[in-house]
C-alpha cells in the first residue's frame, strides 16, 4: 500500500515540477518579447497563481513520498 503512496507522491511532484517549468518558460517568453513594464507585470501576475499551485503540488508530492518511505 505504501508503495502506491510513494509513486503517487512522485507523480504529483513531477506534475508540479512540470508546472514550474511551464511558468518559467512563459515568463521568459514574455521577457524576450520586449513587452512594456505594465504588460510584463500583467503577465507575471497571471502566471503567479499557477506558479504557487505548482509549488504546492510539488511540496505535497514530496510529503507523500516521505510519508510512504517512513511508514513503508
N, C-alpha and C. Protein backbone atom coordinates (compact mmCIF):
# COMPACT_ATOMS: atom_id res chain seq x y z
N UNK A 1 0.82 -1.19 0.00
CA UNK A 1 0.00 0.00 0.00
C UNK A 1 0.87 1.26 0.00
N UNK A 2 1.93 1.26 0.78
CA UNK A 2 2.76 2.46 0.87
C UNK A 2 3.53 2.71 -0.43
N UNK A 3 3.72 1.64 -1.19
CA UNK A 3 4.38 1.81 -2.48
C UNK A 3 3.53 2.70 -3.40
N UNK A 4 2.21 2.55 -3.33
CA UNK A 4 1.32 3.41 -4.13
C UNK A 4 1.41 4.87 -3.68
N UNK A 5 1.55 5.07 -2.38
CA UNK A 5 1.69 6.44 -1.85
C UNK A 5 2.99 7.06 -2.36
N UNK A 6 4.06 6.27 -2.37
CA UNK A 6 5.35 6.78 -2.86
C UNK A 6 5.27 7.14 -4.33
N UNK A 7 4.72 6.24 -5.14
CA UNK A 7 4.64 6.52 -6.58
C UNK A 7 3.65 7.63 -6.90
N UNK A 8 2.56 7.70 -6.16
CA UNK A 8 1.61 8.81 -6.33
C UNK A 8 2.23 10.14 -5.97
N UNK A 9 3.00 10.15 -4.88
CA UNK A 9 3.70 11.37 -4.48
C UNK A 9 4.73 11.79 -5.51
N UNK A 10 5.43 10.80 -6.07
CA UNK A 10 6.42 11.11 -7.12
C UNK A 10 5.73 11.69 -8.35
N UNK A 11 4.58 11.14 -8.69
CA UNK A 11 3.83 11.66 -9.84
C UNK A 11 3.36 13.09 -9.58
N UNK A 12 2.90 13.37 -8.36
CA UNK A 12 2.48 14.73 -8.01
C UNK A 12 3.66 15.69 -8.07
N UNK A 13 4.80 15.25 -7.57
CA UNK A 13 5.99 16.10 -7.60
C UNK A 13 6.41 16.41 -9.03
N UNK A 14 6.38 15.42 -9.89
CA UNK A 14 6.75 15.64 -11.29
C UNK A 14 5.76 16.54 -12.00
N UNK A 15 4.48 16.41 -11.65
CA UNK A 15 3.48 17.30 -12.23
C UNK A 15 3.72 18.74 -11.78
N UNK A 16 4.02 18.91 -10.52
CA UNK A 16 4.34 20.25 -10.01
C UNK A 16 5.60 20.81 -10.65
N UNK A 17 6.60 19.97 -10.85
CA UNK A 17 7.83 20.42 -11.49
C UNK A 17 7.57 20.84 -12.93
N UNK A 18 6.74 20.09 -13.63
CA UNK A 18 6.38 20.46 -15.00
C UNK A 18 5.66 21.81 -15.02
N UNK A 19 4.79 22.03 -14.04
CA UNK A 19 4.11 23.32 -13.94
C UNK A 19 5.06 24.47 -13.67
N UNK A 20 6.05 24.23 -12.82
CA UNK A 20 7.05 25.27 -12.53
C UNK A 20 7.87 25.59 -13.78
N UNK A 21 8.24 24.57 -14.52
CA UNK A 21 8.99 24.79 -15.75
C UNK A 21 8.15 25.57 -16.75
N UNK A 22 6.85 25.24 -16.84
CA UNK A 22 5.96 25.97 -17.73
C UNK A 22 5.89 27.45 -17.34
N UNK A 23 5.80 27.72 -16.05
CA UNK A 23 5.76 29.11 -15.58
C UNK A 23 7.04 29.86 -15.95
N UNK A 24 8.17 29.21 -15.75
CA UNK A 24 9.45 29.84 -16.08
C UNK A 24 9.52 30.15 -17.57
N UNK A 25 9.13 29.19 -18.40
CA UNK A 25 9.19 29.40 -19.85
C UNK A 25 8.23 30.49 -20.30
N UNK A 26 7.08 30.56 -19.68
CA UNK A 26 6.10 31.59 -20.06
C UNK A 26 6.62 32.99 -19.75
N UNK A 27 7.24 33.16 -18.58
CA UNK A 27 7.77 34.48 -18.21
C UNK A 27 8.99 34.82 -19.07
N UNK A 28 9.83 33.82 -19.34
CA UNK A 28 10.99 34.08 -20.21
C UNK A 28 10.55 34.51 -21.61
N UNK A 29 9.50 33.88 -22.11
CA UNK A 29 8.97 34.26 -23.42
C UNK A 29 8.45 35.69 -23.40
N UNK A 30 7.78 36.06 -22.33
CA UNK A 30 7.25 37.43 -22.21
C UNK A 30 8.39 38.44 -22.11
N UNK A 31 9.46 38.07 -21.41
CA UNK A 31 10.61 39.00 -21.29
C UNK A 31 11.30 39.19 -22.63
N UNK A 32 11.43 38.12 -23.39
CA UNK A 32 12.10 38.21 -24.69
C UNK A 32 11.24 38.93 -25.73
N UNK A 33 9.94 39.00 -25.49
CA UNK A 33 9.04 39.67 -26.43
C UNK A 33 9.18 41.18 -26.38
N UNK A 34 9.88 41.68 -25.38
CA UNK A 34 10.09 43.11 -25.29
C UNK A 34 8.84 43.88 -24.90
N UNK A 35 8.05 43.32 -24.02
CA UNK A 35 6.83 43.98 -23.58
C UNK A 35 7.15 45.18 -22.69
N UNK A 36 6.20 46.06 -22.57
CA UNK A 36 6.37 47.19 -21.66
C UNK A 36 6.29 46.68 -20.22
N UNK A 37 6.65 47.55 -19.29
CA UNK A 37 6.64 47.15 -17.88
C UNK A 37 5.25 46.72 -17.41
N UNK A 38 4.23 47.45 -17.83
CA UNK A 38 2.87 47.10 -17.41
C UNK A 38 2.42 45.77 -17.99
N UNK A 39 2.75 45.53 -19.25
CA UNK A 39 2.36 44.25 -19.88
C UNK A 39 3.13 43.09 -19.26
N UNK A 40 4.40 43.30 -18.97
CA UNK A 40 5.20 42.25 -18.33
C UNK A 40 4.69 41.98 -16.93
N UNK A 41 4.34 43.02 -16.21
CA UNK A 41 3.79 42.86 -14.86
C UNK A 41 2.47 42.09 -14.90
N UNK A 42 1.64 42.38 -15.89
CA UNK A 42 0.37 41.66 -16.03
C UNK A 42 0.61 40.18 -16.33
N UNK A 43 1.60 39.90 -17.16
CA UNK A 43 1.92 38.50 -17.47
C UNK A 43 2.40 37.76 -16.23
N UNK A 44 3.28 38.40 -15.47
CA UNK A 44 3.80 37.76 -14.26
C UNK A 44 2.66 37.56 -13.25
N UNK A 45 1.77 38.52 -13.14
CA UNK A 45 0.64 38.38 -12.21
C UNK A 45 -0.30 37.27 -12.65
N UNK A 46 -0.42 37.05 -13.95
CA UNK A 46 -1.27 35.97 -14.44
C UNK A 46 -0.63 34.61 -14.19
N UNK A 47 0.70 34.54 -14.20
CA UNK A 47 1.40 33.28 -14.02
C UNK A 47 1.54 32.93 -12.53
N UNK A 48 1.52 33.92 -11.67
CA UNK A 48 1.77 33.72 -10.24
C UNK A 48 0.86 32.66 -9.60
N UNK A 49 -0.45 32.65 -9.81
CA UNK A 49 -1.27 31.59 -9.19
C UNK A 49 -0.88 30.19 -9.66
N UNK A 50 -0.53 30.06 -10.95
CA UNK A 50 -0.10 28.77 -11.48
C UNK A 50 1.22 28.35 -10.84
N UNK A 51 2.09 29.32 -10.63
CA UNK A 51 3.38 29.04 -10.01
C UNK A 51 3.18 28.54 -8.57
N UNK A 52 2.33 29.20 -7.82
CA UNK A 52 2.08 28.79 -6.44
C UNK A 52 1.39 27.42 -6.38
N UNK A 53 0.46 27.17 -7.30
CA UNK A 53 -0.21 25.87 -7.33
C UNK A 53 0.77 24.76 -7.68
N UNK A 54 1.67 25.02 -8.60
CA UNK A 54 2.67 24.02 -8.98
C UNK A 54 3.62 23.75 -7.82
N UNK A 55 4.01 24.80 -7.13
CA UNK A 55 4.88 24.64 -5.97
C UNK A 55 4.18 23.84 -4.88
N UNK A 56 2.90 24.11 -4.66
CA UNK A 56 2.12 23.36 -3.68
C UNK A 56 2.03 21.89 -4.05
N UNK A 57 1.81 21.59 -5.33
CA UNK A 57 1.74 20.20 -5.78
C UNK A 57 3.07 19.49 -5.54
N UNK A 58 4.16 20.17 -5.85
CA UNK A 58 5.47 19.57 -5.64
C UNK A 58 5.71 19.27 -4.17
N UNK A 59 5.40 20.21 -3.32
CA UNK A 59 5.60 20.01 -1.88
C UNK A 59 4.70 18.89 -1.36
N UNK A 60 3.46 18.88 -1.80
CA UNK A 60 2.53 17.83 -1.37
C UNK A 60 3.02 16.46 -1.83
N UNK A 61 3.51 16.38 -3.06
CA UNK A 61 4.04 15.11 -3.55
C UNK A 61 5.25 14.65 -2.78
N UNK A 62 6.15 15.57 -2.47
CA UNK A 62 7.33 15.20 -1.69
C UNK A 62 6.95 14.76 -0.27
N UNK A 63 5.93 15.39 0.29
CA UNK A 63 5.47 14.97 1.62
C UNK A 63 4.90 13.55 1.56
N UNK A 64 4.18 13.23 0.49
CA UNK A 64 3.66 11.87 0.35
C UNK A 64 4.78 10.86 0.19
N UNK A 65 5.80 11.21 -0.57
CA UNK A 65 6.94 10.32 -0.74
C UNK A 65 7.61 10.05 0.61
N UNK A 66 7.85 11.10 1.36
CA UNK A 66 8.49 10.95 2.68
C UNK A 66 7.59 10.13 3.62
N UNK A 67 6.29 10.37 3.57
CA UNK A 67 5.35 9.62 4.40
C UNK A 67 5.37 8.14 4.04
N UNK A 68 5.36 7.86 2.74
CA UNK A 68 5.38 6.46 2.29
C UNK A 68 6.68 5.76 2.66
N UNK A 69 7.79 6.46 2.56
CA UNK A 69 9.08 5.87 2.93
C UNK A 69 9.15 5.64 4.44
N UNK A 70 8.64 6.59 5.21
CA UNK A 70 8.71 6.49 6.66
C UNK A 70 7.87 5.33 7.20
N UNK A 71 6.69 5.17 6.67
CA UNK A 71 5.79 4.14 7.18
C UNK A 71 5.93 2.81 6.44
N UNK A 72 6.60 2.82 5.31
CA UNK A 72 6.72 1.61 4.48
C UNK A 72 7.75 0.64 4.92
